[in-house]
Amino acid sequence: MGSRLKVLRLFKDLHKTRSCVFRDDDRALTAARLKINEEFKKNKNETSEENIKEMLKMARAVETILRENVIQGEHVEENKVLLRPRESLLLDNVPYSDTPRNKT
């Protein structure tokens, strides 16, 4: 696949990840959209294959971090945050309990 197609695919993937990760948060959606577009426009005239490969690698790492590590939180009260993990972030093997266990 040519560099141009790889760049366009990654651009599209970043925007899809952005819309999934920051769903219902207009401020974060807009900020992420502007940053993605700014970075791609800034480097659109790059011709060095080596530099393009490095930038693609960095952008793919950013997309992976956003997709796998970012959880939305919403302030619902003064000292309370409601976390909204995406389905892909929920793990089957990690037990969770709202109540602490008694030490025996």
C-alpha atoms as a PDB file:
ATOM      1  CA  MET A   1       0.000   0.000   0.000  1.00  0.00           C
ATOM      2  CA  GLY A   2       1.361   3.443  -0.902  1.00  0.00           C
ATOM      3  CA  SER A   3       2.260   6.023   1.718  1.00  0.00           C
ATOM      4  CA  ARG A   4      -0.629   8.259   0.721  1.00  0.00           C
ATOM      5  CA  LEU A   5      -3.167   5.489   1.298  1.00  0.00           C
ATOM      6  CA  LYS A   6      -1.592   4.607   4.652  1.00  0.00           C
ATOM      7  CA  VAL A   7      -1.760   8.247   5.734  1.00  0.00           C
ATOM      8  CA  LEU A   8      -5.400   8.568   4.693  1.00  0.00           C
ATOM      9  CA  ARG A   9      -6.323   5.271   6.421  1.00  0.00           C
ATOM     10  CA  LEU A  10      -4.658   6.409   9.656  1.00  0.00           C
ATOM     11  CA  PHE A  11      -6.316   9.840   9.412  1.00  0.00           C
ATOM     12  CA  LYS A  12      -9.693   8.115   9.121  1.00  0.00           C
ATOM     13  CA  ASP A  13      -8.882   5.677  11.960  1.00  0.00           C
ATOM     14  CA  LEU A  14      -7.893   8.533  14.273  1.00  0.00           C
ATOM     15  CA  HIS A  15     -11.179  10.321  13.610  1.00  0.00           C
ATOM     16  CA  LYS A  16     -13.193   7.127  14.178  1.00  0.00           C
ATOM     17  CA  THR A  17     -11.366   6.514  17.456  1.00  0.00           C
ATOM     18  CA  ARG A  18     -11.871  10.152  18.479  1.00  0.00           C
ATOM     19  CA  SER A  19     -15.614   9.944  17.899  1.00  0.00           C
ATOM     20  CA  CYS A  20     -15.851   6.698  19.886  1.00  0.00           C
ATOM     21  CA  VAL A  21     -13.622   7.729  22.815  1.00  0.00           C
ATOM     22  CA  PHE A  22     -15.097  11.221  23.287  1.00  0.00           C
ATOM     23  CA  ARG A  23     -18.723  10.409  22.445  1.00  0.00           C
ATOM     24  CA  ASP A  24     -21.196  12.980  23.858  1.00  0.00           C
ATOM     25  CA  ASP A  25     -18.372  15.380  24.808  1.00  0.00           C
ATOM     26  CA  ASP A  26     -18.543  18.158  22.224  1.00  0.00           C
ATOM     27  CA  ARG A  27     -15.602  20.084  23.657  1.00  0.00           C
ATOM     28  CA  ALA A  28     -13.243  17.087  23.585  1.00  0.00           C
ATOM     29  CA  LEU A  29     -14.512  15.991  20.151  1.00  0.00           C
ATOM     30  CA  THR A  30     -13.812  19.426  18.705  1.00  0.00           C
ATOM     31  CA  ALA A  31     -10.391  19.751  20.351  1.00  0.00           C
ATOM     32  CA  ALA A  32      -9.320  16.310  19.135  1.00  0.00           C
ATOM     33  CA  ARG A  33     -10.619  16.981  15.609  1.00  0.00           C
ATOM     34  CA  LEU A  34      -8.734  20.267  15.425  1.00  0.00           C
ATOM     35  CA  LYS A  35      -5.507  18.700  16.719  1.00  0.00           C
ATOM     36  CA  ILE A  36      -5.659  15.741  14.307  1.00  0.00           C
ATOM     37  CA  ASN A  37      -6.364  18.023  11.348  1.00  0.00           C
ATOM     38  CA  GLU A  38      -3.656  20.492  12.397  1.00  0.00           C
ATOM     39  CA  GLU A  39      -0.971  17.805  12.670  1.00  0.00           C
ATOM     40  CA  PHE A  40      -1.830  16.245   9.317  1.00  0.00           C
ATOM     41  CA  LYS A  41      -1.967  19.650   7.572  1.00  0.00           C
ATOM     42  CA  LYS A  42       1.347  20.673   9.137  1.00  0.00           C
ATOM     43  CA  ASN A  43       3.048  17.626   7.619  1.00  0.00           C
ATOM     44  CA  LYS A  44       1.130  17.263   4.348  1.00  0.00           C
ATOM     45  CA  ASN A  45       4.114  18.337   2.215  1.00  0.00           C
ATOM     46  CA  GLU A  46       6.533  15.845   3.770  1.00  0.00           C
ATOM     47  CA  THR A  47       8.278  13.809   1.073  1.00  0.00           C
ATOM     48  CA  SER A  48      10.850  11.781   3.019  1.00  0.00           C
ATOM     49  CA  GLU A  49       9.658   8.165   3.242  1.00  0.00           C
ATOM     50  CA  GLU A  50      11.615   7.697   6.479  1.00  0.00           C
ATOM     51  CA  ASN A  51       9.979  10.710   8.141  1.00  0.00           C
ATOM     52  CA  ILE A  52       6.545   9.633   6.923  1.00  0.00           C
ATOM     53  CA  LYS A  53       7.048   6.145   8.384  1.00  0.00           C
ATOM     54  CA  GLU A  54       8.074   7.634  11.753  1.00  0.00           C
ATOM     55  CA  MET A  55       5.060   9.956  11.814  1.00  0.00           C
ATOM     56  CA  LEU A  56       2.736   7.082  10.886  1.00  0.00           C
ATOM     57  CA  LYS A  57       4.220   4.997  13.692  1.00  0.00           C
ATOM     58  CA  MET A  58       3.679   7.841  16.186  1.00  0.00           C
ATOM     59  CA  ALA A  59       0.106   8.463  14.993  1.00  0.00           C
ATOM     60  CA  ARG A  60      -0.725   4.733  15.241  1.00  0.00           C
ATOM     61  CA  ALA A  61       0.628   4.712  18.816  1.00  0.00           C
ATOM     62  CA  VAL A  62      -1.574   7.715  19.676  1.00  0.00           C
ATOM     63  CA  GLU A  63      -4.615   5.995  18.184  1.00  0.00           C
ATOM     64  CA  THR A  64      -3.891   2.834  20.189  1.00  0.00           C
ATOM     65  CA  ILE A  65      -3.429   4.760  23.436  1.00  0.00           C
ATOM     66  CA  LEU A  66      -6.705   6.636  22.915  1.00  0.00           C
ATOM     67  CA  ARG A  67      -8.582   3.439  22.073  1.00  0.00           C
ATOM     68  CA  GLU A  68      -7.161   1.280  24.872  1.00  0.00           C
ATOM     69  CA  ASN A  69      -6.427   3.640  27.776  1.00  0.00           C
ATOM     70  CA  VAL A  70      -8.805   6.614  27.800  1.00  0.00           C
ATOM     71  CA  ILE A  71     -11.995   6.441  29.863  1.00  0.00           C
ATOM     72  CA  GLN A  72     -14.631   9.161  29.829  1.00  0.00           C
ATOM     73  CA  GLY A  73     -15.574  10.707  33.135  1.00  0.00           C
ATOM     74  CA  GLU A  74     -18.356  13.139  33.934  1.00  0.00           C
ATOM     75  CA  HIS A  75     -18.678  15.269  37.069  1.00  0.00           C
ATOM     76  CA  VAL A  76     -22.096  14.485  38.554  1.00  0.00           C
ATOM     77  CA  GLU A  77     -21.637  16.018  42.000  1.00  0.00           C
ATOM     78  CA  GLU A  78     -18.994  18.079  43.760  1.00  0.00           C
ATOM     79  CA  ASN A  79     -16.824  15.108  44.692  1.00  0.00           C
ATOM     80  CA  LYS A  80     -18.258  12.474  42.399  1.00  0.00           C
ATOM     81  CA  VAL A  81     -17.270  11.415  38.884  1.00  0.00           C
ATOM     82  CA  LEU A  82     -19.262   9.009  36.747  1.00  0.00           C
ATOM     83  CA  LEU A  83     -16.951   6.838  34.655  1.00  0.00           C
ATOM     84  CA  ARG A  84     -18.192   5.588  31.296  1.00  0.00           C
ATOM     85  CA  PRO A  85     -15.878   2.819  30.126  1.00  0.00           C
ATOM     86  CA  ARG A  86     -16.433   1.554  26.614  1.00  0.00           C
ATOM     87  CA  GLU A  87     -17.304  -2.109  26.132  1.00  0.00           C
ATOM     88  CA  SER A  88     -13.867  -2.800  24.653  1.00  0.00           C
ATOM     89  CA  LEU A  89     -12.198  -1.633  27.889  1.00  0.00           C
ATOM     90  CA  LEU A  90     -14.104  -3.927  30.203  1.00  0.00           C
ATOM     91  CA  LEU A  91     -12.114  -6.982  31.219  1.00  0.00           C
ATOM     92  CA  ASP A  92     -13.651 -10.313  32.154  1.00  0.00           C
ATOM     93  CA  ASN A  93     -10.862 -11.391  34.470  1.00  0.00           C
ATOM     94  CA  VAL A  94     -10.737  -8.351  36.760  1.00  0.00           C
ATOM     95  CA  PRO A  95     -13.114  -8.692  39.705  1.00  0.00           C
ATOM     96  CA  TYR A  96     -14.747  -5.485  40.907  1.00  0.00           C
ATOM     97  CA  SER A  97     -16.849  -4.821  43.955  1.00  0.00           C
ATOM     98  CA  ASP A  98     -18.421  -1.594  45.214  1.00  0.00           C
ATOM     99  CA  THR A  99     -17.993  -2.789  48.781  1.00  0.00           C
ATOM    100  CA  PRO A 100     -14.555  -3.456  50.227  1.00  0.00           C
ATOM    101  CA  ARG A 101     -13.787  -6.987  51.347  1.00  0.00           C
ATOM    102  CA  ASN A 102     -13.152  -7.725  55.002  1.00  0.00           C
ATOM    103  CA  LYS A 103      -9.596  -8.806  55.700  1.00  0.00           C
ATOM    104  CA  THR A 104      -9.461 -12.263  57.264  1.00  0.00           C
END
